[in-house]
Amino acid sequence: MFDSNTAQVLTSLAEALSDEHKSPDTVQEASGLLEEALELFQRCLTLQEFQYSETQVQMDVDAQQPQKDAPDINSSMEDATATGIPDSSEHELWASIVEPVTKDTLLDTAMAQLETLATLCNVLAPDVRAQALWSDAEATKLSRSLAWIEEYSGDLLKRKISIYEAGNGDRLQEILLGRAKFLCSLADASYRARRIDLKTYENELVSVFLNKNDPLDLSTDPEGLCDRAEALITFSTSLNIFPPSDVSIPHSSTSIDHLGSLAWKYLTLALDSLTAASKLPTAQNAARIQLARGDVEMLRFRLSRHPVNLKIAQKSADTLIKNAQVYYRGAAALAKIARMLPEEKEGMAKESVAALAGGEVSKWDDLMSGGAKGAGGKELRKIIEEMLEDGLVEGALETGLSTGGAPLSRAMESNGGPPGKSVVGDHQK
């Protein structure tokens, strides 16, 4: 189906566009591509449903007709030769085989629609900077868009996918995982848009990914375990206790304690999922799993710092930062074996930043002197900027970036920060 293929391409383009740099312009462009993709998927699904109905009718008609003996192919070939019809070696015959539309075909298209809706939620969800600057009118506009997505998905989940899945238990886990990913994306966007409160968001997350009575079983699915971890990490970072340095989010002491405890709980569960995924022999891209484990440990380490100062995180701070270095170093090693250069560079850069966060300056100095001014300087800066945006480290690193790649330890000394001490996070104390 050309419409389906085009829709998938548009979805991929929108994902790449929003991942590169999220701004009002890219959000508008990416959401436009996704809305077009949804229209194409719907057109494709409507045609497939018609073809499926026709196929079922024809099968019923054929079943009611008396069966005829199948023609003997060998005798037909002999007759053709006897009558002087040239064989296929001289004149090849071509036939067009049309694959019948089945419930699996319908399910494929419907699940692709659901995935596109999840992507649209992720694109529309405002980041922390946008939330700080938002007006009530902008929040209302987004709320309407999310209400439309919720209505659209309701028909897709409750009517179409449930019907297509009936009698096809082999794909139940795939359907449940796709549903869980979408509902978490919708809940996250709704929470960021002030459409639902934190408790509602948490309840949705727990019901789809942490419900022991739910038939969704991810114990042997490394990709599904990583998807669950991603949803848990997203929830934790959406609490806005790790904002960029140029954004101020007011929190009361009671609020920050509660949010910090929530973040610790779900980040720990995310780490458990990633660890389980890393142990499965069917896991793909082991380097990226190790990078994610390192990121989670960096986020948990951040909880030991100002303004959260979570006691359980403070007790484990040294272990957390060492774990992060181990995971990043392991990611770089695995990526090197697999010849995945971007992941190898990311692992090396993040290990140096993690070491700096723990007070070890030498790895950072080596990284900056060897990579910041060379051909890989832009890549290095991008990795560190993404760490800042993702809340893995605090804004003190921006000083090092603004000096054109000078070692952060020296940049911090010039700003009054003590050398040889953990500076990632200390500037807000």
Protein backbone atom coordinates (compact mmCIF):
# COMPACT_ATOMS: atom_id res chain seq x y z
CA MET A 1 0.00 0.00 0.00
CA PHE A 2 1.61 3.22 -1.21
CA ASP A 3 -0.37 5.35 1.27
CA SER A 4 0.91 3.27 4.17
CA ASN A 5 4.52 3.48 2.99
CA THR A 6 4.27 7.24 2.53
CA ALA A 7 2.73 7.63 5.99
CA GLN A 8 5.60 5.69 7.57
CA VAL A 9 8.13 7.91 5.81
CA LEU A 10 6.33 11.06 7.03
CA THR A 11 6.31 9.71 10.59
CA SER A 12 10.05 9.02 10.44
CA LEU A 13 10.71 12.52 9.08
CA ALA A 14 8.67 14.08 11.89
CA GLU A 15 10.56 12.08 14.53
CA ALA A 16 13.92 13.13 13.11
CA LEU A 17 12.80 16.75 12.91
CA SER A 18 11.61 16.92 16.51
CA ASP A 19 14.65 15.04 17.85
CA GLU A 20 17.08 17.42 16.17
CA HIS A 21 15.83 20.62 17.77
CA LYS A 22 12.48 21.30 19.40
CA SER A 23 11.24 24.80 18.65
CA PRO A 24 7.79 26.26 17.83
CA ASP A 25 8.61 26.02 14.12
CA THR A 26 9.79 22.40 14.22
CA VAL A 27 6.83 21.40 16.38
CA GLN A 28 4.43 22.92 13.86
CA GLU A 29 6.19 21.30 10.90
CA ALA A 30 6.51 17.90 12.58
CA SER A 31 2.89 17.88 13.77
CA GLY A 32 1.76 18.77 10.23
CA LEU A 33 3.68 15.78 8.84
CA LEU A 34 2.16 13.49 11.45
CA GLU A 35 -1.38 14.69 10.80
CA GLU A 36 -0.84 14.01 7.08
CA ALA A 37 0.50 10.56 7.96
CA LEU A 38 -2.61 9.83 10.01
CA GLU A 39 -4.83 10.79 7.08
CA LEU A 40 -2.89 8.45 4.79
CA PHE A 41 -3.06 5.60 7.28
CA GLN A 42 -6.81 6.12 7.65
CA ARG A 43 -7.31 6.12 3.87
CA CYS A 44 -5.26 2.93 3.63
CA LEU A 45 -7.17 1.27 6.46
CA THR A 46 -10.55 2.15 4.93
CA LEU A 47 -9.51 0.55 1.62
CA GLN A 48 -8.11 -2.50 3.39
CA GLU A 49 -11.32 -2.96 5.36
CA PHE A 50 -13.30 -2.86 2.09
CA GLN A 51 -10.97 -5.39 0.47
CA TYR A 52 -11.13 -7.61 3.55
CA SER A 53 -14.94 -7.58 3.45
CA GLU A 54 -14.91 -8.49 -0.25
CA THR A 55 -12.50 -11.34 0.44
CA GLN A 56 -14.73 -12.70 3.20
CA VAL A 57 -17.79 -12.55 0.94
CA GLN A 58 -15.94 -14.37 -1.84
CA MET A 59 -14.74 -17.03 0.57
CA ASP A 60 -18.32 -17.60 1.74
CA VAL A 61 -19.49 -17.92 -1.88
CA ASP A 62 -16.68 -20.36 -2.72
CA ALA A 63 -17.47 -22.43 0.34
CA GLN A 64 -21.09 -22.87 -0.81
CA GLN A 65 -20.17 -23.95 -4.36
CA PRO A 66 -19.33 -27.60 -5.14
CA GLN A 67 -15.57 -28.10 -5.47
CA LYS A 68 -14.19 -29.00 -8.87
CA ASP A 69 -11.20 -31.21 -9.49
CA ALA A 70 -8.02 -29.20 -9.81
CA PRO A 71 -6.56 -29.22 -13.34
CA ASP A 72 -3.57 -31.50 -14.01
CA ILE A 73 -0.68 -29.14 -14.73
CA ASN A 74 1.43 -31.82 -16.42
CA SER A 75 -1.31 -32.82 -18.82
CA SER A 76 -1.97 -29.16 -19.62
CA MET A 77 1.69 -28.69 -20.55
CA GLU A 78 1.61 -31.78 -22.75
CA ASP A 79 -1.49 -30.47 -24.55
CA ALA A 80 0.19 -27.13 -25.08
CA THR A 81 3.25 -28.76 -26.59
CA ALA A 82 1.14 -30.98 -28.87
CA THR A 83 -0.74 -27.98 -30.23
CA GLY A 84 2.47 -26.16 -31.04
CA ILE A 85 2.26 -23.51 -28.32
CA PRO A 86 5.84 -22.48 -27.46
CA ASP A 87 6.96 -23.38 -23.98
CA SER A 88 7.92 -20.85 -21.33
CA SER A 89 11.62 -21.10 -22.14
CA GLU A 90 10.95 -19.13 -25.33
CA HIS A 91 8.11 -16.87 -24.15
CA GLU A 92 8.02 -16.40 -20.39
CA LEU A 93 4.61 -15.88 -18.85
CA TRP A 94 4.15 -13.39 -16.04
CA ALA A 95 1.47 -13.43 -13.38
CA SER A 96 0.56 -10.84 -10.80
CA ILE A 97 -0.05 -12.28 -7.34
CA VAL A 98 -2.21 -10.12 -5.10
CA GLU A 99 -1.85 -10.84 -1.40
CA PRO A 100 -5.24 -11.12 0.28
CA VAL A 101 -6.04 -8.63 3.03
CA THR A 102 -6.20 -10.41 6.38
CA LYS A 103 -6.85 -9.35 9.96
CA ASP A 104 -3.08 -9.19 10.41
CA THR A 105 -2.92 -6.66 7.57
CA LEU A 106 -5.59 -4.53 9.22
CA LEU A 107 -3.84 -4.83 12.56
CA ASP A 108 -0.51 -3.72 11.08
CA THR A 109 -2.05 -0.52 9.74
CA ALA A 110 -4.01 0.21 12.92
CA MET A 111 -0.92 -0.28 15.10
CA ALA A 112 1.05 2.04 12.81
CA GLN A 113 -1.68 4.65 13.35
CA LEU A 114 -1.40 4.21 17.11
CA GLU A 115 2.37 4.62 16.96
CA THR A 116 1.96 7.81 14.92
CA LEU A 117 -0.48 9.17 17.52
CA ALA A 118 2.10 8.46 20.25
CA THR A 119 4.72 10.32 18.24
CA LEU A 120 2.34 13.25 17.81
CA CYS A 121 1.86 13.40 21.60
CA ASN A 122 5.63 13.46 22.09
CA VAL A 123 6.04 16.24 19.54
CA LEU A 124 3.25 18.38 21.01
CA ALA A 125 4.37 17.92 24.63
CA PRO A 126 6.00 21.23 25.66
CA ASP A 127 9.47 21.11 27.17
CA VAL A 128 10.24 22.81 30.46
CA ARG A 129 11.19 26.11 28.82
CA ALA A 130 7.93 26.25 26.89
CA GLN A 131 5.96 25.39 30.03
CA ALA A 132 7.58 28.25 31.97
CA LEU A 133 6.63 30.76 29.27
CA TRP A 134 3.22 29.42 28.32
CA SER A 135 0.07 31.47 28.41
CA ASP A 136 -3.34 30.07 29.30
CA ALA A 137 -4.39 30.45 25.66
CA GLU A 138 -1.51 28.24 24.46
CA ALA A 139 -2.29 25.64 27.10
CA THR A 140 -5.95 25.63 26.02
CA LYS A 141 -4.99 25.18 22.37
CA LEU A 142 -2.79 22.18 23.15
CA SER A 143 -5.47 20.74 25.42
CA ARG A 144 -7.89 20.75 22.48
CA SER A 145 -5.36 18.96 20.27
CA LEU A 146 -4.83 16.31 22.92
CA ALA A 147 -8.61 15.91 23.35
CA TRP A 148 -8.82 15.21 19.60
CA ILE A 149 -6.02 12.63 19.87
CA GLU A 150 -7.80 10.96 22.79
CA GLU A 151 -11.06 10.74 20.83
CA TYR A 152 -9.27 9.46 17.72
CA SER A 153 -7.44 6.79 19.70
CA GLY A 154 -10.59 5.70 21.50
CA ASP A 155 -12.18 4.48 18.27
CA LEU A 156 -8.88 2.90 17.21
CA LEU A 157 -8.28 1.02 20.47
CA LYS A 158 -11.79 0.07 21.54
CA ARG A 159 -13.37 -0.73 18.18
CA LYS A 160 -10.84 -1.45 15.46
CA ILE A 161 -7.79 -2.99 17.16
CA SER A 162 -9.87 -5.07 19.58
CA ILE A 163 -11.86 -6.50 16.64
CA TYR A 164 -8.77 -7.18 14.52
CA GLU A 165 -7.04 -8.87 17.46
CA ALA A 166 -9.96 -11.20 18.25
CA GLY A 167 -8.84 -14.78 17.82
CA ASN A 168 -5.22 -13.75 17.20
CA GLY A 169 -3.56 -14.32 20.55
CA ASP A 170 -0.10 -14.44 18.99
CA ARG A 171 -0.03 -10.64 18.76
CA LEU A 172 -1.62 -9.83 22.10
CA GLN A 173 1.66 -8.73 23.73
CA GLU A 174 2.51 -6.49 20.76
CA ILE A 175 -0.91 -4.82 21.01
CA LEU A 176 -0.71 -4.35 24.77
CA LEU A 177 2.78 -2.82 24.51
CA GLY A 178 1.71 -0.44 21.72
CA ARG A 179 -1.31 0.58 23.77
CA ALA A 180 0.82 1.16 26.89
CA LYS A 181 3.35 3.31 25.02
CA PHE A 182 0.61 5.44 23.50
CA LEU A 183 -1.28 5.96 26.77
CA CYS A 184 1.94 6.99 28.55
CA SER A 185 2.77 9.46 25.77
CA LEU A 186 -0.73 10.93 25.95
CA ALA A 187 -0.57 11.16 29.76
CA ASP A 188 2.83 12.88 29.65
CA ALA A 189 1.69 15.45 27.09
CA SER A 190 -1.55 16.02 29.02
CA TYR A 191 0.35 16.57 32.28
CA ARG A 192 2.77 19.01 30.67
CA ALA A 193 -0.18 20.86 29.14
CA ARG A 194 -1.86 21.16 32.58
CA ARG A 195 -4.69 18.96 31.37
CA ILE A 196 -4.33 16.34 34.11
CA ASP A 197 -2.70 16.40 37.54
CA LEU A 198 0.35 14.46 38.68
CA LYS A 199 -1.60 11.73 40.45
CA THR A 200 -3.64 10.99 37.33
CA TYR A 201 -0.44 10.77 35.30
CA GLU A 202 1.14 8.41 37.83
CA ASN A 203 -1.98 6.21 37.96
CA GLU A 204 -1.96 5.89 34.15
CA LEU A 205 1.71 4.92 34.15
CA VAL A 206 1.22 2.30 36.85
CA SER A 207 -1.92 0.83 35.26
CA VAL A 208 -0.31 0.14 31.88
CA PHE A 209 3.29 -0.72 32.80
CA LEU A 210 3.38 -1.75 36.48
CA ASN A 211 0.08 -3.55 36.99
CA LYS A 212 0.79 -7.08 38.20
CA ASN A 213 -2.67 -8.22 37.09
CA ASP A 214 -2.17 -6.90 33.55
CA PRO A 215 -1.57 -9.58 30.87
CA LEU A 216 1.35 -7.56 29.45
CA ASP A 217 4.45 -9.71 30.04
CA LEU A 218 7.79 -8.10 29.18
CA SER A 219 10.05 -10.57 30.98
CA THR A 220 11.45 -11.99 27.72
CA ASP A 221 11.09 -8.86 25.58
CA PRO A 222 14.21 -6.63 25.76
CA GLU A 223 12.70 -3.97 23.51
CA GLY A 224 9.56 -3.86 25.62
CA LEU A 225 11.60 -3.59 28.80
CA CYS A 226 13.45 -0.62 27.31
CA ASP A 227 10.14 0.96 26.30
CA ARG A 228 8.90 0.63 29.87
CA ALA A 229 12.12 2.14 31.20
CA GLU A 230 11.76 5.06 28.80
CA ALA A 231 8.21 5.74 30.04
CA LEU A 232 9.40 5.67 33.66
CA ILE A 233 12.30 8.01 32.92
CA THR A 234 10.00 10.40 31.05
CA PHE A 235 7.66 10.51 34.04
CA SER A 236 10.57 11.31 36.37
CA THR A 237 11.98 14.09 34.21
CA SER A 238 8.52 15.58 33.66
CA LEU A 239 8.41 16.42 37.38
CA ASN A 240 10.59 19.44 36.50
CA ILE A 241 13.08 19.00 39.31
CA PHE A 242 15.93 18.91 36.78
CA PRO A 243 15.26 22.10 34.76
CA PRO A 244 17.94 23.76 32.59
CA SER A 245 19.93 26.44 34.42
CA ASP A 246 18.18 29.28 32.57
CA VAL A 247 14.71 28.17 33.74
CA SER A 248 13.40 28.71 37.25
CA ILE A 249 10.72 26.31 38.53
CA PRO A 250 9.45 27.26 42.01
CA HIS A 251 8.93 24.37 44.42
CA SER A 252 8.07 24.36 48.12
CA SER A 253 10.24 22.26 50.42
CA THR A 254 7.38 19.80 50.92
CA SER A 255 6.76 19.61 47.19
CA ILE A 256 10.41 19.07 46.28
CA ASP A 257 10.73 16.28 48.87
CA HIS A 258 7.68 14.49 47.47
CA LEU A 259 8.75 14.94 43.85
CA GLY A 260 12.28 13.78 44.65
CA SER A 261 10.97 10.59 46.28
CA LEU A 262 8.71 9.93 43.30
CA ALA A 263 11.58 10.43 40.88
CA TRP A 264 13.83 8.09 42.87
CA LYS A 265 11.14 5.40 42.93
CA TYR A 266 10.46 5.38 39.20
CA LEU A 267 14.08 5.88 38.13
CA THR A 268 14.98 2.83 40.22
CA LEU A 269 12.24 0.84 38.49
CA ALA A 270 13.53 2.08 35.13
CA LEU A 271 17.02 0.86 36.00
CA ASP A 272 15.60 -2.54 36.95
CA SER A 273 13.95 -2.80 33.51
CA LEU A 274 17.13 -1.82 31.68
CA THR A 275 19.19 -4.28 33.72
CA ALA A 276 16.73 -7.07 32.90
CA ALA A 277 16.88 -6.14 29.21
CA SER A 278 20.69 -6.19 29.20
CA LYS A 279 20.71 -9.78 30.47
CA LEU A 280 18.51 -11.18 27.69
CA PRO A 281 20.42 -12.87 24.83
CA THR A 282 17.97 -11.44 22.29
CA ALA A 283 18.73 -7.83 23.26
CA GLN A 284 19.65 -5.62 20.32
CA ASN A 285 22.02 -2.64 20.52
CA ALA A 286 23.51 -3.48 23.90
CA ALA A 287 25.55 -0.25 23.80
CA ARG A 288 22.44 1.92 23.86
CA ILE A 289 21.05 -0.05 26.81
CA GLN A 290 24.26 0.62 28.75
CA LEU A 291 24.10 4.31 27.85
CA ALA A 292 20.54 4.42 29.19
CA ARG A 293 21.64 2.73 32.42
CA GLY A 294 24.33 5.36 32.84
CA ASP A 295 21.80 8.14 32.22
CA VAL A 296 19.49 6.78 34.92
CA GLU A 297 22.32 6.66 37.45
CA MET A 298 23.22 10.27 36.59
CA LEU A 299 19.60 11.30 37.21
CA ARG A 300 19.52 9.43 40.50
CA PHE A 301 22.80 11.11 41.46
CA ARG A 302 21.24 14.49 40.67
CA LEU A 303 18.66 13.79 43.38
CA SER A 304 21.45 13.94 45.96
CA ARG A 305 22.26 17.51 44.97
CA HIS A 306 20.63 20.88 45.47
CA PRO A 307 17.71 21.65 45.37
CA VAL A 308 16.39 18.12 46.03
CA ASN A 309 18.97 16.85 48.55
CA LEU A 310 17.23 13.47 48.80
CA LYS A 311 18.71 11.56 51.74
CA ILE A 312 18.60 8.10 50.15
CA ALA A 313 20.39 9.50 47.09
CA GLN A 314 22.98 11.27 49.23
CA LYS A 315 23.81 8.02 51.02
CA SER A 316 24.41 6.30 47.66
CA ALA A 317 25.91 9.25 45.77
CA ASP A 318 29.43 7.82 45.43
CA THR A 319 28.10 4.46 44.25
CA LEU A 320 25.69 6.07 41.80
CA ILE A 321 28.34 8.17 40.08
CA LYS A 322 30.73 5.21 39.89
CA ASN A 323 27.98 3.04 38.43
CA ALA A 324 27.31 5.68 35.77
CA GLN A 325 30.98 5.65 34.76
CA VAL A 326 30.99 1.84 34.57
CA TYR A 327 27.89 1.79 32.35
CA TYR A 328 29.19 4.53 30.05
CA ARG A 329 32.59 2.85 29.77
CA GLY A 330 30.87 -0.45 28.99
CA ALA A 331 28.73 1.24 26.35
CA ALA A 332 31.81 2.68 24.65
CA ALA A 333 33.51 -0.74 24.66
CA LEU A 334 30.47 -2.52 23.23
CA ALA A 335 30.01 0.20 20.60
CA LYS A 336 33.65 -0.11 19.57
CA ILE A 337 33.28 -3.85 19.04
CA ALA A 338 30.11 -3.28 17.00
CA ARG A 339 31.78 -0.41 15.09
CA MET A 340 29.16 2.07 16.24
CA LEU A 341 31.25 5.24 16.31
CA PRO A 342 28.53 7.71 17.52
CA GLU A 343 27.68 5.50 20.50
CA GLU A 344 31.37 4.98 21.26
CA LYS A 345 31.96 8.75 21.35
CA GLU A 346 28.86 9.29 23.45
CA GLY A 347 29.97 6.69 25.99
CA MET A 348 33.45 8.20 26.28
CA ALA A 349 32.13 11.76 26.65
CA LYS A 350 29.52 10.82 29.22
CA GLU A 351 32.00 8.81 31.25
CA SER A 352 34.24 11.89 31.49
CA VAL A 353 31.33 14.07 32.58
CA ALA A 354 30.28 11.49 35.18
CA ALA A 355 33.84 11.35 36.50
CA LEU A 356 33.85 15.15 36.77
CA ALA A 357 30.56 15.03 38.68
CA GLY A 358 32.27 12.76 41.17
CA GLY A 359 35.21 15.10 41.60
CA GLU A 360 37.64 13.45 39.18
CA VAL A 361 38.86 16.21 36.87
CA SER A 362 41.58 14.38 34.93
CA LYS A 363 39.27 12.48 32.54
CA TRP A 364 37.42 15.69 31.70
CA ASP A 365 40.65 17.56 31.04
CA ASP A 366 41.90 14.73 28.80
CA LEU A 367 38.62 14.72 26.88
CA MET A 368 38.55 18.47 26.39
CA SER A 369 42.19 18.76 25.36
CA GLY A 370 41.91 15.83 22.97
CA GLY A 371 38.47 16.21 21.46
CA ALA A 372 36.96 19.64 21.98
CA LYS A 373 39.16 21.47 19.49
CA GLY A 374 39.46 18.72 16.87
CA ALA A 375 37.12 17.47 14.19
CA GLY A 376 34.91 15.90 16.83
CA GLY A 377 34.46 19.12 18.77
CA LYS A 378 30.95 19.80 17.46
CA GLU A 379 29.86 16.24 18.25
CA LEU A 380 31.27 16.54 21.76
CA ARG A 381 29.49 19.83 22.37
CA LYS A 382 26.24 18.34 21.10
CA ILE A 383 26.51 15.38 23.48
CA ILE A 384 27.11 17.65 26.46
CA GLU A 385 24.33 20.04 25.44
CA GLU A 386 21.93 17.08 25.23
CA MET A 387 23.01 15.99 28.72
CA LEU A 388 22.14 19.47 29.95
CA GLU A 389 18.77 19.42 28.21
CA ASP A 390 17.98 15.95 29.58
CA GLY A 391 18.80 17.04 33.12
CA LEU A 392 21.71 14.60 33.51
CA VAL A 393 23.97 17.42 34.72
CA GLU A 394 23.42 20.98 35.84
CA GLY A 395 24.18 24.15 33.97
CA ALA A 396 27.72 24.62 35.28
CA LEU A 397 28.89 22.77 32.18
CA GLU A 398 27.62 25.62 30.03
CA THR A 399 30.56 27.69 31.29
CA GLY A 400 33.00 25.19 29.82
CA LEU A 401 31.11 25.14 26.54
CA SER A 402 31.04 28.92 26.30
CA THR A 403 34.83 29.12 26.63
CA GLY A 404 35.23 27.28 23.33
CA GLY A 405 36.06 23.95 24.89
CA ALA A 406 38.38 24.99 27.72
CA PRO A 407 38.56 22.45 30.56
CA LEU A 408 35.64 23.01 32.88
CA SER A 409 37.82 22.85 35.99
CA ARG A 410 39.70 25.96 34.89
CA ALA A 411 36.52 27.68 33.72
CA MET A 412 34.99 27.12 37.14
CA GLU A 413 38.09 28.47 38.89
CA SER A 414 37.67 31.71 36.97
CA ASN A 415 34.11 31.92 38.29
CA GLY A 416 35.09 31.29 41.88
CA GLY A 417 34.57 27.53 41.90
CA PRO A 418 37.16 25.40 43.71
CA PRO A 419 39.40 23.21 41.52
CA GLY A 420 39.46 19.46 41.93
CA LYS A 421 35.99 19.34 43.45
CA SER A 422 32.67 18.14 42.09
CA VAL A 423 31.33 21.17 40.26
CA VAL A 424 28.39 19.61 38.47
CA GLY A 425 25.52 20.87 40.57
CA ASP A 426 27.48 22.87 43.15
CA HIS A 427 26.78 26.24 41.56
CA GLN A 428 23.24 26.31 42.91
CA LYS A 429 24.16 25.55 46.51
